[in-house]
Amino acid sequence: MVPDEKRGTAYGLYNLAFGITVFPASLLFGLVWNQFGAATAFLASGCVSVLAIVLLLSIKPRKETIET
């Protein structure tokens, strides 16, 4: 989804986003587990996962033009 010359930057940004979000997500999951129980925590996690799948499937790749 990114040009060849930008792959390193894209990989770095992906890891940055993952690193920044994984701690708060784990913290939130633990808080939901403590307040409402394991079933609710996993149900909420599953709902967020389904939403992520829907959003990822809605991304349309760019059509690259071939110059001759």
PDB file of N, CA and C in Angstrom:
ATOM      1  N   MET A   1       0.803  -1.197   0.000  1.00  0.00           N
ATOM      2  CA  MET A   1       0.000   0.000   0.000  1.00  0.00           C
ATOM      3  C   MET A   1       0.849   1.267   0.000  1.00  0.00           C
ATOM      4  N   VAL A   2       2.153   1.108   0.168  1.00  0.00           N
ATOM      5  CA  VAL A   2       3.044   2.269   0.132  1.00  0.00           C
ATOM      6  C   VAL A   2       4.099   2.047  -0.939  1.00  0.00           C
ATOM      7  N   PRO A   3       4.633   3.125  -1.484  1.00  0.00           N
ATOM      8  CA  PRO A   3       5.687   2.977  -2.485  1.00  0.00           C
ATOM      9  C   PRO A   3       6.922   2.285  -1.891  1.00  0.00           C
ATOM     10  N   ASP A   4       7.699   1.655  -2.755  1.00  0.00           N
ATOM     11  CA  ASP A   4       8.881   0.915  -2.312  1.00  0.00           C
ATOM     12  C   ASP A   4       9.827   1.771  -1.479  1.00  0.00           C
ATOM     13  N   GLU A   5      10.023   3.012  -1.883  1.00  0.00           N
ATOM     14  CA  GLU A   5      10.988   3.866  -1.182  1.00  0.00           C
ATOM     15  C   GLU A   5      10.480   4.330   0.190  1.00  0.00           C
ATOM     16  N   LYS A   6       9.215   4.099   0.495  1.00  0.00           N
ATOM     17  CA  LYS A   6       8.643   4.521   1.782  1.00  0.00           C
ATOM     18  C   LYS A   6       8.330   3.340   2.704  1.00  0.00           C
ATOM     19  N   ARG A   7       8.728   2.132   2.334  1.00  0.00           N
ATOM     20  CA  ARG A   7       8.383   0.960   3.141  1.00  0.00           C
ATOM     21  C   ARG A   7       9.000   0.994   4.533  1.00  0.00           C
ATOM     22  N   GLY A   8      10.236   1.425   4.643  1.00  0.00           N
ATOM     23  CA  GLY A   8      10.882   1.520   5.955  1.00  0.00           C
ATOM     24  C   GLY A   8      10.165   2.503   6.866  1.00  0.00           C
ATOM     25  N   THR A   9       9.774   3.640   6.304  1.00  0.00           N
ATOM     26  CA  THR A   9       9.037   4.645   7.074  1.00  0.00           C
ATOM     27  C   THR A   9       7.682   4.098   7.507  1.00  0.00           C
ATOM     28  N   ALA A  10       6.999   3.425   6.594  1.00  0.00           N
ATOM     29  CA  ALA A  10       5.689   2.861   6.918  1.00  0.00           C
ATOM     30  C   ALA A  10       5.803   1.803   8.012  1.00  0.00           C
ATOM     31  N   TYR A  11       6.820   0.960   7.930  1.00  0.00           N
ATOM     32  CA  TYR A  11       7.031  -0.064   8.953  1.00  0.00           C
ATOM     33  C   TYR A  11       7.321   0.593  10.301  1.00  0.00           C
ATOM     34  N   GLY A  12       8.118   1.629  10.309  1.00  0.00           N
ATOM     35  CA  GLY A  12       8.413   2.346  11.540  1.00  0.00           C
ATOM     36  C   GLY A  12       7.179   3.004  12.134  1.00  0.00           C
ATOM     37  N   LEU A  13       6.357   3.624  11.296  1.00  0.00           N
ATOM     38  CA  LEU A  13       5.130   4.247  11.783  1.00  0.00           C
ATOM     39  C   LEU A  13       4.150   3.216  12.321  1.00  0.00           C
ATOM     40  N   TYR A  14       4.093   2.061  11.657  1.00  0.00           N
ATOM     41  CA  TYR A  14       3.231   0.976  12.145  1.00  0.00           C
ATOM     42  C   TYR A  14       3.669   0.548  13.544  1.00  0.00           C
ATOM     43  N   ASN A  15       4.955   0.325  13.728  1.00  0.00           N
ATOM     44  CA  ASN A  15       5.456  -0.095  15.034  1.00  0.00           C
ATOM     45  C   ASN A  15       5.280   0.990  16.090  1.00  0.00           C
ATOM     46  N   LEU A  16       5.407   2.240  15.707  1.00  0.00           N
ATOM     47  CA  LEU A  16       5.158   3.345  16.628  1.00  0.00           C
ATOM     48  C   LEU A  16       3.696   3.331  17.079  1.00  0.00           C
ATOM     49  N   ALA A  17       2.783   3.215  16.125  1.00  0.00           N
ATOM     50  CA  ALA A  17       1.360   3.201  16.456  1.00  0.00           C
ATOM     51  C   ALA A  17       1.019   1.994  17.328  1.00  0.00           C
ATOM     52  N   PHE A  18       1.592   0.850  17.008  1.00  0.00           N
ATOM     53  CA  PHE A  18       1.345  -0.356  17.794  1.00  0.00           C
ATOM     54  C   PHE A  18       1.858  -0.177  19.223  1.00  0.00           C
ATOM     55  N   GLY A  19       3.058   0.325  19.344  1.00  0.00           N
ATOM     56  CA  GLY A  19       3.655   0.522  20.662  1.00  0.00           C
ATOM     57  C   GLY A  19       2.898   1.511  21.523  1.00  0.00           C
ATOM     58  N   ILE A  20       2.404   2.574  20.912  1.00  0.00           N
ATOM     59  CA  ILE A  20       1.667   3.595  21.655  1.00  0.00           C
ATOM     60  C   ILE A  20       0.301   3.083  22.097  1.00  0.00           C
ATOM     61  N   THR A  21      -0.335   2.242  21.292  1.00  0.00           N
ATOM     62  CA  THR A  21      -1.699   1.811  21.590  1.00  0.00           C
ATOM     63  C   THR A  21      -1.786   0.528  22.401  1.00  0.00           C
ATOM     64  N   VAL A  22      -0.762  -0.303  22.396  1.00  0.00           N
ATOM     65  CA  VAL A  22      -0.877  -1.599  23.064  1.00  0.00           C
ATOM     66  C   VAL A  22      -0.974  -1.452  24.585  1.00  0.00           C
ATOM     67  N   PHE A  23      -0.260  -0.521  25.185  1.00  0.00           N
ATOM     68  CA  PHE A  23      -0.342  -0.353  26.639  1.00  0.00           C
ATOM     69  C   PHE A  23      -1.717   0.133  27.087  1.00  0.00           C
ATOM     70  N   PRO A  24      -2.252   1.224  26.508  1.00  0.00           N
ATOM     71  CA  PRO A  24      -3.599   1.645  26.948  1.00  0.00           C
ATOM     72  C   PRO A  24      -4.669   0.581  26.669  1.00  0.00           C
ATOM     73  N   ALA A  25      -4.526  -0.152  25.567  1.00  0.00           N
ATOM     74  CA  ALA A  25      -5.506  -1.198  25.260  1.00  0.00           C
ATOM     75  C   ALA A  25      -5.460  -2.299  26.318  1.00  0.00           C
ATOM     76  N   SER A  26      -4.262  -2.699  26.715  1.00  0.00           N
ATOM     77  CA  SER A  26      -4.128  -3.722  27.748  1.00  0.00           C
ATOM     78  C   SER A  26      -4.656  -3.218  29.087  1.00  0.00           C
ATOM     79  N   LEU A  27      -4.387  -1.984  29.390  1.00  0.00           N
ATOM     80  CA  LEU A  27      -4.877  -1.388  30.624  1.00  0.00           C
ATOM     81  C   LEU A  27      -6.409  -1.339  30.635  1.00  0.00           C
ATOM     82  N   LEU A  28      -6.991  -0.911  29.529  1.00  0.00           N
ATOM     83  CA  LEU A  28      -8.448  -0.846  29.423  1.00  0.00           C
ATOM     84  C   LEU A  28      -9.066  -2.234  29.527  1.00  0.00           C
ATOM     85  N   PHE A  29      -8.461  -3.218  28.870  1.00  0.00           N
ATOM     86  CA  PHE A  29      -8.958  -4.592  28.938  1.00  0.00           C
ATOM     87  C   PHE A  29      -8.951  -5.080  30.389  1.00  0.00           C
ATOM     88  N   GLY A  30      -7.870  -4.808  31.109  1.00  0.00           N
ATOM     89  CA  GLY A  30      -7.782  -5.211  32.515  1.00  0.00           C
ATOM     90  C   GLY A  30      -8.815  -4.526  33.385  1.00  0.00           C
ATOM     91  N   LEU A  31      -9.044  -3.245  33.136  1.00  0.00           N
ATOM     92  CA  LEU A  31     -10.064  -2.523  33.909  1.00  0.00           C
ATOM     93  C   LEU A  31     -11.461  -3.072  33.654  1.00  0.00           C
ATOM     94  N   VAL A  32     -11.781  -3.357  32.393  1.00  0.00           N
ATOM     95  CA  VAL A  32     -13.088  -3.939  32.065  1.00  0.00           C
ATOM     96  C   VAL A  32     -13.213  -5.310  32.714  1.00  0.00           C
ATOM     97  N   TRP A  33     -12.147  -6.090  32.686  1.00  0.00           N
ATOM     98  CA  TRP A  33     -12.161  -7.422  33.296  1.00  0.00           C
ATOM     99  C   TRP A  33     -12.455  -7.303  34.796  1.00  0.00           C
ATOM    100  N   ASN A  34     -11.769  -6.393  35.471  1.00  0.00           N
ATOM    101  CA  ASN A  34     -11.969  -6.242  36.917  1.00  0.00           C
ATOM    102  C   ASN A  34     -13.357  -5.731  37.271  1.00  0.00           C
ATOM    103  N   GLN A  35     -13.893  -4.820  36.459  1.00  0.00           N
ATOM    104  CA  GLN A  35     -15.191  -4.219  36.770  1.00  0.00           C
ATOM    105  C   GLN A  35     -16.372  -5.109  36.368  1.00  0.00           C
ATOM    106  N   PHE A  36     -16.264  -5.759  35.197  1.00  0.00           N
ATOM    107  CA  PHE A  36     -17.430  -6.445  34.635  1.00  0.00           C
ATOM    108  C   PHE A  36     -17.228  -7.937  34.394  1.00  0.00           C
ATOM    109  N   GLY A  37     -16.011  -8.425  34.544  1.00  0.00           N
ATOM    110  CA  GLY A  37     -15.760  -9.853  34.375  1.00  0.00           C
ATOM    111  C   GLY A  37     -15.109 -10.172  33.041  1.00  0.00           C
ATOM    112  N   ALA A  38     -14.603 -11.400  32.984  1.00  0.00           N
ATOM    113  CA  ALA A  38     -13.861 -11.848  31.806  1.00  0.00           C
ATOM    114  C   ALA A  38     -14.733 -11.914  30.552  1.00  0.00           C
ATOM    115  N   ALA A  39     -15.953 -12.384  30.698  1.00  0.00           N
ATOM    116  CA  ALA A  39     -16.829 -12.525  29.528  1.00  0.00           C
ATOM    117  C   ALA A  39     -17.062 -11.183  28.844  1.00  0.00           C
ATOM    118  N   THR A  40     -17.307 -10.149  29.616  1.00  0.00           N
ATOM    119  CA  THR A  40     -17.539  -8.816  29.050  1.00  0.00           C
ATOM    120  C   THR A  40     -16.277  -8.277  28.385  1.00  0.00           C
ATOM    121  N   ALA A  41     -15.137  -8.515  29.023  1.00  0.00           N
ATOM    122  CA  ALA A  41     -13.877  -8.030  28.444  1.00  0.00           C
ATOM    123  C   ALA A  41     -13.626  -8.687  27.091  1.00  0.00           C
ATOM    124  N   PHE A  42     -13.821 -10.011  27.016  1.00  0.00           N
ATOM    125  CA  PHE A  42     -13.592 -10.698  25.747  1.00  0.00           C
ATOM    126  C   PHE A  42     -14.653 -10.354  24.708  1.00  0.00           C
ATOM    127  N   LEU A  43     -15.877 -10.142  25.123  1.00  0.00           N
ATOM    128  CA  LEU A  43     -16.930  -9.729  24.189  1.00  0.00           C
ATOM    129  C   LEU A  43     -16.616  -8.358  23.594  1.00  0.00           C
ATOM    130  N   ALA A  44     -16.189  -7.432  24.441  1.00  0.00           N
ATOM    131  CA  ALA A  44     -15.816  -6.100  23.953  1.00  0.00           C
ATOM    132  C   ALA A  44     -14.627  -6.193  23.002  1.00  0.00           C
ATOM    133  N   SER A  45     -13.646  -7.026  23.342  1.00  0.00           N
ATOM    134  CA  SER A  45     -12.485  -7.210  22.482  1.00  0.00           C
ATOM    135  C   SER A  45     -12.895  -7.792  21.131  1.00  0.00           C
ATOM    136  N   GLY A  46     -13.800  -8.748  21.151  1.00  0.00           N
ATOM    137  CA  GLY A  46     -14.291  -9.334  19.903  1.00  0.00           C
ATOM    138  C   GLY A  46     -15.028  -8.318  19.044  1.00  0.00           C
ATOM    139  N   CYS A  47     -15.831  -7.464  19.677  1.00  0.00           N
ATOM    140  CA  CYS A  47     -16.558  -6.427  18.929  1.00  0.00           C
ATOM    141  C   CYS A  47     -15.595  -5.443  18.279  1.00  0.00           C
ATOM    142  N   VAL A  48     -14.568  -5.050  19.000  1.00  0.00           N
ATOM    143  CA  VAL A  48     -13.564  -4.142  18.439  1.00  0.00           C
ATOM    144  C   VAL A  48     -12.833  -4.820  17.280  1.00  0.00           C
ATOM    145  N   SER A  49     -12.567  -6.116  17.403  1.00  0.00           N
ATOM    146  CA  SER A  49     -11.893  -6.855  16.323  1.00  0.00           C
ATOM    147  C   SER A  49     -12.754  -6.919  15.069  1.00  0.00           C
ATOM    148  N   VAL A  50     -14.038  -7.171  15.230  1.00  0.00           N
ATOM    149  CA  VAL A  50     -14.941  -7.211  14.075  1.00  0.00           C
ATOM    150  C   VAL A  50     -15.006  -5.837  13.412  1.00  0.00           C
ATOM    151  N   LEU A  51     -15.066  -4.795  14.215  1.00  0.00           N
ATOM    152  CA  LEU A  51     -15.064  -3.431  13.661  1.00  0.00           C
ATOM    153  C   LEU A  51     -13.779  -3.172  12.879  1.00  0.00           C
ATOM    154  N   ALA A  52     -12.653  -3.628  13.412  1.00  0.00           N
ATOM    155  CA  ALA A  52     -11.377  -3.441  12.713  1.00  0.00           C
ATOM    156  C   ALA A  52     -11.363  -4.179  11.381  1.00  0.00           C
ATOM    157  N   ILE A  53     -11.929  -5.387  11.343  1.00  0.00           N
ATOM    158  CA  ILE A  53     -12.005  -6.146  10.092  1.00  0.00           C
ATOM    159  C   ILE A  53     -12.832  -5.387   9.063  1.00  0.00           C
ATOM    160  N   VAL A  54     -13.974  -4.876   9.490  1.00  0.00           N
ATOM    161  CA  VAL A  54     -14.844  -4.127   8.570  1.00  0.00           C
ATOM    162  C   VAL A  54     -14.110  -2.901   8.030  1.00  0.00           C
ATOM    163  N   LEU A  55     -13.421  -2.176   8.909  1.00  0.00           N
ATOM    164  CA  LEU A  55     -12.697  -0.986   8.462  1.00  0.00           C
ATOM    165  C   LEU A  55     -11.549  -1.347   7.526  1.00  0.00           C
ATOM    166  N   LEU A  56     -10.830  -2.428   7.816  1.00  0.00           N
ATOM    167  CA  LEU A  56      -9.730  -2.838   6.931  1.00  0.00           C
ATOM    168  C   LEU A  56     -10.242  -3.279   5.562  1.00  0.00           C
ATOM    169  N   LEU A  57     -11.374  -3.946   5.544  1.00  0.00           N
ATOM    170  CA  LEU A  57     -11.932  -4.377   4.258  1.00  0.00           C
ATOM    171  C   LEU A  57     -12.471  -3.212   3.440  1.00  0.00           C
ATOM    172  N   SER A  58     -12.724  -2.080   4.086  1.00  0.00           N
ATOM    173  CA  SER A  58     -13.245  -0.924   3.354  1.00  0.00           C
ATOM    174  C   SER A  58     -12.136  -0.107   2.695  1.00  0.00           C
ATOM    175  N   ILE A  59     -10.873  -0.424   2.987  1.00  0.00           N
ATOM    176  CA  ILE A  59      -9.758   0.304   2.383  1.00  0.00           C
ATOM    177  C   ILE A  59      -9.588  -0.159   0.943  1.00  0.00           C
ATOM    178  N   LYS A  60      -9.563   0.785   0.049  1.00  0.00           N
ATOM    179  CA  LYS A  60      -9.361   0.458  -1.359  1.00  0.00           C
ATOM    180  C   LYS A  60      -7.925   0.802  -1.743  1.00  0.00           C
ATOM    181  N   PRO A  61      -7.190  -0.178  -2.286  1.00  0.00           N
ATOM    182  CA  PRO A  61      -5.815   0.115  -2.679  1.00  0.00           C
ATOM    183  C   PRO A  61      -5.756   1.108  -3.835  1.00  0.00           C
ATOM    184  N   ARG A  62      -4.677   1.886  -3.859  1.00  0.00           N
ATOM    185  CA  ARG A  62      -4.483   2.841  -4.941  1.00  0.00           C
ATOM    186  C   ARG A  62      -4.180   2.108  -6.226  1.00  0.00           C
ATOM    187  N   LYS A  63      -4.732   2.613  -7.287  1.00  0.00           N
ATOM    188  CA  LYS A  63      -4.407   2.062  -8.609  1.00  0.00           C
ATOM    189  C   LYS A  63      -3.171   2.794  -9.110  1.00  0.00           C
ATOM    190  N   GLU A  64      -2.110   2.037  -9.317  1.00  0.00           N
ATOM    191  CA  GLU A  64      -0.873   2.648  -9.798  1.00  0.00           C
ATOM    192  C   GLU A  64      -0.926   2.746 -11.326  1.00  0.00           C
ATOM    193  N   THR A  65      -0.467   3.860 -11.807  1.00  0.00           N
ATOM    194  CA  THR A  65      -0.426   4.027 -13.247  1.00  0.00           C
ATOM    195  C   THR A  65       0.927   3.566 -13.756  1.00  0.00           C
ATOM    196  N   ILE A  66       0.897   2.861 -14.857  1.00  0.00           N
ATOM    197  CA  ILE A  66       2.130   2.374 -15.471  1.00  0.00           C
ATOM    198  C   ILE A  66       2.488   3.313 -16.609  1.00  0.00           C
ATOM    199  N   GLU A  67       3.639   3.942 -16.467  1.00  0.00           N
ATOM    200  CA  GLU A  67       4.085   4.852 -17.509  1.00  0.00           C
ATOM    201  C   GLU A  67       5.001   4.109 -18.469  1.00  0.00           C
ATOM    202  N   THR A  68       4.729   4.270 -19.738  1.00  0.00           N
ATOM    203  CA  THR A  68       5.580   3.603 -20.754  1.00  0.00           C
ATOM    204  C   THR A  68       6.359   4.610 -21.539  1.00  0.00           C
TER     205      THR A  68
END
